[in-house]
Structure formats: C-alpha cells, structure tokens
Amino acid sequence: MRVINMNKTATTEETATSVDAYLGALSSETLEPMTHKSYHEMADVPVVEADALAQLHTNLSLLQDLQGRLAFVMREVRYQLKA
C-alpha cells in the first residue's frame, strides 16, 4: 500500500495479502502439471481437461492456421482490387 503524507513524501508498506498467500501455497505444492478444464459445446465430449502447456501448444497452432487463412484472403482481396 502506498501512503502519501502532506509533506509530499511517499512510503511503501509491505502487507501480506491473499494473493501473496495464494502464490506461496502454489510454490509449496508438488510440481504437477497445472490442468485446466474447458467446455466445448459442440464436441462429443463437452468437458475436456488438459494441462496448460498442451493447451498453449494447441492454441498456438490454431492461431497459426487462422493467420495463414487470413493472409490468403487478404492476398485475394488485394488481387481483386488491382483487377
């Protein structure tokens, strides 16, 4: 917390918050991979639990695919505008 006095000096006080307690609890746990549940409404299995790193890799590959498709569409639009 930052306290500003009338004489224009600022002091910073360290206080233990629930966030610090939460981060401390995370660091003291075992080094198991962090899992995340996600909901896919149209999938055969709607609730999927995957570790965070695998989900990151999946999201990155999906973004790369979408960026490639968008680049293709933009090239086609530029080509049509020149014609």
C-alpha atoms as a PDB file:
ATOM      1  CA  MET A   1       0.000   0.000   0.000  1.00  0.00           C
ATOM      2  CA  ARG A   2       1.280   3.468  -0.801  1.00  0.00           C
ATOM      3  CA  VAL A   3       0.824   6.231   1.771  1.00  0.00           C
ATOM      4  CA  ILE A   4       1.302   9.844   0.737  1.00  0.00           C
ATOM      5  CA  ASN A   5       1.843  12.348   3.520  1.00  0.00           C
ATOM      6  CA  MET A   6       1.083  16.035   3.236  1.00  0.00           C
ATOM      7  CA  ASN A   7       4.795  16.845   3.111  1.00  0.00           C
ATOM      8  CA  LYS A   8       4.956  15.178  -0.347  1.00  0.00           C
ATOM      9  CA  THR A   9       6.820  12.037   0.726  1.00  0.00           C
ATOM     10  CA  ALA A  10       5.679   8.609  -0.239  1.00  0.00           C
ATOM     11  CA  THR A  11       6.256   5.405   1.683  1.00  0.00           C
ATOM     12  CA  THR A  12       5.545   1.874   0.643  1.00  0.00           C
ATOM     13  CA  GLU A  13       4.456  -0.671   3.201  1.00  0.00           C
ATOM     14  CA  GLU A  14       4.590  -4.398   2.511  1.00  0.00           C
ATOM     15  CA  THR A  15       1.448  -6.154   3.643  1.00  0.00           C
ATOM     16  CA  ALA A  16       0.595  -9.803   3.291  1.00  0.00           C
ATOM     17  CA  THR A  17      -2.441 -10.156   1.074  1.00  0.00           C
ATOM     18  CA  SER A  18      -4.467 -13.097  -0.021  1.00  0.00           C
ATOM     19  CA  VAL A  19      -2.611 -13.024  -3.355  1.00  0.00           C
ATOM     20  CA  ASP A  20       0.738 -13.452  -1.613  1.00  0.00           C
ATOM     21  CA  ALA A  21      -0.673 -16.280   0.467  1.00  0.00           C
ATOM     22  CA  TYR A  22      -2.062 -17.930  -2.685  1.00  0.00           C
ATOM     23  CA  LEU A  23       1.257 -17.650  -4.541  1.00  0.00           C
ATOM     24  CA  GLY A  24       3.075 -19.043  -1.531  1.00  0.00           C
ATOM     25  CA  ALA A  25       0.714 -22.018  -1.445  1.00  0.00           C
ATOM     26  CA  LEU A  26       1.313 -22.643  -5.151  1.00  0.00           C
ATOM     27  CA  SER A  27       5.079 -22.674  -4.777  1.00  0.00           C
ATOM     28  CA  SER A  28       4.923 -25.116  -1.867  1.00  0.00           C
ATOM     29  CA  GLU A  29       2.815 -27.674  -3.791  1.00  0.00           C
ATOM     30  CA  THR A  30       4.313 -30.509  -5.770  1.00  0.00           C
ATOM     31  CA  LEU A  31       5.460 -29.868  -9.304  1.00  0.00           C
ATOM     32  CA  GLU A  32       2.477 -31.488 -11.004  1.00  0.00           C
ATOM     33  CA  PRO A  33       1.369 -30.015 -14.326  1.00  0.00           C
ATOM     34  CA  MET A  34      -1.375 -27.430 -13.986  1.00  0.00           C
ATOM     35  CA  THR A  35      -4.619 -28.622 -15.549  1.00  0.00           C
ATOM     36  CA  HIS A  36      -7.465 -26.591 -16.897  1.00  0.00           C
ATOM     37  CA  LYS A  37     -10.999 -27.691 -17.716  1.00  0.00           C
ATOM     38  CA  SER A  38     -12.536 -26.251 -20.850  1.00  0.00           C
ATOM     39  CA  TYR A  39     -16.052 -26.568 -22.211  1.00  0.00           C
ATOM     40  CA  HIS A  40     -16.678 -27.262 -25.909  1.00  0.00           C
ATOM     41  CA  GLU A  41     -20.414 -27.177 -26.568  1.00  0.00           C
ATOM     42  CA  MET A  42     -20.459 -28.921 -29.955  1.00  0.00           C
ATOM     43  CA  ALA A  43     -17.864 -31.621 -29.166  1.00  0.00           C
ATOM     44  CA  ASP A  44     -18.603 -35.274 -28.458  1.00  0.00           C
ATOM     45  CA  VAL A  45     -17.053 -34.880 -25.008  1.00  0.00           C
ATOM     46  CA  PRO A  46     -18.046 -31.373 -23.870  1.00  0.00           C
ATOM     47  CA  VAL A  47     -15.735 -31.042 -20.840  1.00  0.00           C
ATOM     48  CA  VAL A  48     -12.052 -31.579 -21.597  1.00  0.00           C
ATOM     49  CA  GLU A  49      -9.296 -31.435 -19.006  1.00  0.00           C
ATOM     50  CA  ALA A  50      -5.800 -30.741 -20.351  1.00  0.00           C
ATOM     51  CA  ASP A  51      -2.605 -29.427 -18.855  1.00  0.00           C
ATOM     52  CA  ALA A  52      -1.820 -25.778 -19.514  1.00  0.00           C
ATOM     53  CA  LEU A  53       1.242 -26.394 -21.703  1.00  0.00           C
ATOM     54  CA  ALA A  54      -0.632 -28.744 -24.057  1.00  0.00           C
ATOM     55  CA  GLN A  55      -3.475 -26.256 -24.315  1.00  0.00           C
ATOM     56  CA  LEU A  56      -0.976 -23.473 -25.091  1.00  0.00           C
ATOM     57  CA  HIS A  57       0.505 -25.520 -27.933  1.00  0.00           C
ATOM     58  CA  THR A  58      -2.962 -26.246 -29.297  1.00  0.00           C
ATOM     59  CA  ASN A  59      -3.933 -22.572 -29.159  1.00  0.00           C
ATOM     60  CA  LEU A  60      -0.700 -21.518 -30.884  1.00  0.00           C
ATOM     61  CA  SER A  61      -1.215 -23.993 -33.727  1.00  0.00           C
ATOM     62  CA  LEU A  62      -4.814 -22.802 -34.138  1.00  0.00           C
ATOM     63  CA  LEU A  63      -3.665 -19.171 -34.252  1.00  0.00           C
ATOM     64  CA  GLN A  64      -1.007 -20.028 -36.839  1.00  0.00           C
ATOM     65  CA  ASP A  65      -3.618 -21.742 -39.010  1.00  0.00           C
ATOM     66  CA  LEU A  66      -6.045 -18.828 -38.739  1.00  0.00           C
ATOM     67  CA  GLN A  67      -3.289 -16.313 -39.522  1.00  0.00           C
ATOM     68  CA  GLY A  68      -2.379 -18.283 -42.657  1.00  0.00           C
ATOM     69  CA  ARG A  69      -6.001 -18.335 -43.795  1.00  0.00           C
ATOM     70  CA  LEU A  70      -6.390 -14.612 -43.173  1.00  0.00           C
ATOM     71  CA  ALA A  71      -3.186 -13.875 -45.109  1.00  0.00           C
ATOM     72  CA  PHE A  72      -4.563 -15.875 -48.048  1.00  0.00           C
ATOM     73  CA  VAL A  73      -7.852 -13.965 -48.004  1.00  0.00           C
ATOM     74  CA  MET A  74      -6.038 -10.629 -47.814  1.00  0.00           C
ATOM     75  CA  ARG A  75      -3.870 -11.575 -50.837  1.00  0.00           C
ATOM     76  CA  GLU A  76      -7.002 -12.460 -52.783  1.00  0.00           C
ATOM     77  CA  VAL A  77      -8.684  -9.187 -51.829  1.00  0.00           C
ATOM     78  CA  ARG A  78      -5.628  -7.202 -52.930  1.00  0.00           C
ATOM     79  CA  TYR A  79      -5.573  -9.121 -56.209  1.00  0.00           C
ATOM     80  CA  GLN A  80      -9.263  -8.385 -56.820  1.00  0.00           C
ATOM     81  CA  LEU A  81      -8.783  -4.695 -56.027  1.00  0.00           C
ATOM     82  CA  LYS A  82      -5.984  -4.440 -58.618  1.00  0.00           C
ATOM     83  CA  ALA A  83      -8.092  -6.028 -61.363  1.00  0.00           C
END
